[in-house]
Amino acid sequence: MVSVFVLPIEWRLLLLTAVTPYLAVYLALEPSGRRRAYNRVGDYSCGVYIYGAPIQMILLATLGSTPSVLSNFVCTAVITLVLAALSWHLLRKQGASSDSRLTWSMRRCGRAAARALSH
């Protein structure tokens, strides 16, 4: 097997660009296994998506001086994960339960939309 590090930088970037999307989809769709064990504590992905950018912008606006990339990342990640966990456990967990009326309504609307689009 040829080591990636002996390739010229252009080839490494091309290989990275070609492989990364497939690897991300594979990891996201893996049905079970040790890599999916994190889902037992809750699904924080939506909270991270929603809160990540605003928290980073608030931190940059309030700190005044430009922080280092590492400190910006660490502060944003910690605050965002705390808010995402709170959001999941206090709000979204109840709404995501299978017996929830909201979930039932959303599935019903989704089926109706799919029927309308298929005609």
Protein backbone atom coordinates (compact mmCIF):
# COMPACT_ATOMS: atom_id res chain seq x y z
CA MET A 1 0.00 0.00 0.00
CA VAL A 2 1.37 3.39 -0.99
CA SER A 3 1.57 5.85 1.86
CA VAL A 4 -0.45 8.99 1.30
CA PHE A 5 2.39 11.10 2.66
CA VAL A 6 4.73 10.30 -0.23
CA LEU A 7 2.27 11.72 -2.74
CA PRO A 8 2.59 15.32 -3.90
CA ILE A 9 0.35 17.80 -2.06
CA GLU A 10 -1.99 18.19 -5.06
CA TRP A 11 -2.68 14.45 -5.09
CA ARG A 12 -3.22 14.38 -1.32
CA LEU A 13 -5.78 17.20 -1.59
CA LEU A 14 -7.52 15.44 -4.47
CA LEU A 15 -7.62 12.16 -2.52
CA LEU A 16 -8.92 13.93 0.59
CA THR A 17 -11.60 15.69 -1.44
CA ALA A 18 -12.70 12.43 -3.07
CA VAL A 19 -12.71 10.25 0.08
CA THR A 20 -14.08 12.57 2.78
CA PRO A 21 -17.74 12.69 1.62
CA TYR A 22 -17.94 8.91 1.31
CA LEU A 23 -16.37 8.42 4.73
CA ALA A 24 -18.76 10.94 6.31
CA VAL A 25 -21.82 9.24 4.80
CA TYR A 26 -20.56 5.79 5.84
CA LEU A 27 -20.02 6.89 9.44
CA ALA A 28 -23.38 8.68 9.56
CA LEU A 29 -25.35 5.73 8.22
CA GLU A 30 -23.65 2.94 10.12
CA PRO A 31 -26.62 1.22 11.83
CA SER A 32 -24.85 -0.09 14.92
CA GLY A 33 -21.49 -0.62 16.48
CA ARG A 34 -19.15 1.04 18.92
CA ARG A 35 -19.06 4.29 16.94
CA ARG A 36 -22.83 4.68 17.46
CA ALA A 37 -22.65 4.11 21.24
CA TYR A 38 -22.67 7.87 21.82
CA ASN A 39 -26.39 7.93 20.87
CA ARG A 40 -27.28 6.30 24.19
CA VAL A 41 -26.84 9.61 26.02
CA GLY A 42 -28.95 11.61 23.55
CA ASP A 43 -28.97 13.18 20.12
CA TYR A 44 -27.13 16.47 20.51
CA SER A 45 -26.48 16.97 16.79
CA CYS A 46 -29.36 19.35 16.19
CA GLY A 47 -28.39 21.47 19.20
CA VAL A 48 -24.79 21.63 18.03
CA TYR A 49 -25.98 22.68 14.58
CA ILE A 50 -28.35 25.33 15.94
CA TYR A 51 -26.17 26.80 18.71
CA GLY A 52 -22.64 26.44 17.28
CA ALA A 53 -22.41 29.46 14.99
CA PRO A 54 -24.31 31.92 17.24
CA ILE A 55 -22.18 30.97 20.26
CA GLN A 56 -19.01 31.46 18.24
CA MET A 57 -20.19 34.87 17.03
CA ILE A 58 -21.17 35.94 20.56
CA LEU A 59 -17.78 34.87 21.90
CA LEU A 60 -15.93 36.77 19.18
CA ALA A 61 -18.06 39.89 19.77
CA THR A 62 -17.68 39.85 23.55
CA LEU A 63 -13.99 38.97 23.79
CA GLY A 64 -12.99 42.08 21.87
CA SER A 65 -9.53 40.95 20.89
CA THR A 66 -9.11 38.16 18.39
CA PRO A 67 -8.63 34.88 20.30
CA SER A 68 -6.45 32.09 19.03
CA VAL A 69 -8.08 29.45 16.86
CA LEU A 70 -7.64 26.80 19.55
CA SER A 71 -9.15 28.86 22.37
CA ASN A 72 -12.02 29.94 20.11
CA PHE A 73 -12.72 26.31 19.21
CA VAL A 74 -12.49 24.99 22.78
CA CYS A 75 -14.71 27.71 24.29
CA THR A 76 -17.27 27.39 21.52
CA ALA A 77 -17.31 23.59 21.71
CA VAL A 78 -17.77 23.47 25.49
CA ILE A 79 -20.56 26.06 25.61
CA THR A 80 -22.28 24.59 22.55
CA LEU A 81 -22.22 21.02 23.88
CA VAL A 82 -23.65 22.15 27.23
CA LEU A 83 -26.48 24.02 25.50
CA ALA A 84 -27.11 21.13 23.09
CA ALA A 85 -27.32 18.65 25.99
CA LEU A 86 -29.70 20.91 27.90
CA SER A 87 -31.79 21.40 24.78
CA TRP A 88 -32.03 17.65 24.19
CA HIS A 89 -32.84 16.63 27.75
CA LEU A 90 -35.21 19.51 28.57
CA LEU A 91 -37.00 20.07 25.25
CA ARG A 92 -36.39 17.75 22.33
CA LYS A 93 -36.36 14.36 24.08
CA GLN A 94 -40.05 14.58 24.94
CA GLY A 95 -40.96 15.74 21.44
CA ALA A 96 -38.97 12.96 19.80
CA SER A 97 -40.71 10.13 21.62
CA SER A 98 -42.62 7.82 19.31
CA ASP A 99 -45.94 8.29 21.11
CA SER A 100 -45.80 12.05 20.78
CA ARG A 101 -48.69 13.70 18.97
CA LEU A 102 -46.26 16.08 17.29
CA THR A 103 -44.22 13.19 15.90
CA TRP A 104 -47.41 11.52 14.65
CA SER A 105 -48.54 14.77 13.01
CA MET A 106 -45.16 15.30 11.38
CA ARG A 107 -45.18 11.76 9.95
CA ARG A 108 -48.72 12.27 8.65
CA CYS A 109 -47.80 15.58 6.99
CA GLY A 110 -44.69 13.99 5.51
CA ARG A 111 -46.71 11.16 3.95
CA ALA A 112 -49.25 13.66 2.57
CA ALA A 113 -46.46 15.77 1.07
CA ALA A 114 -44.85 12.69 -0.47
CA ARG A 115 -48.17 11.67 -2.06
CA ALA A 116 -48.69 15.20 -3.40
CA LEU A 117 -45.21 15.29 -4.91
CA SER A 118 -45.53 11.87 -6.51
CA HIS A 119 -48.58 12.90 -8.59
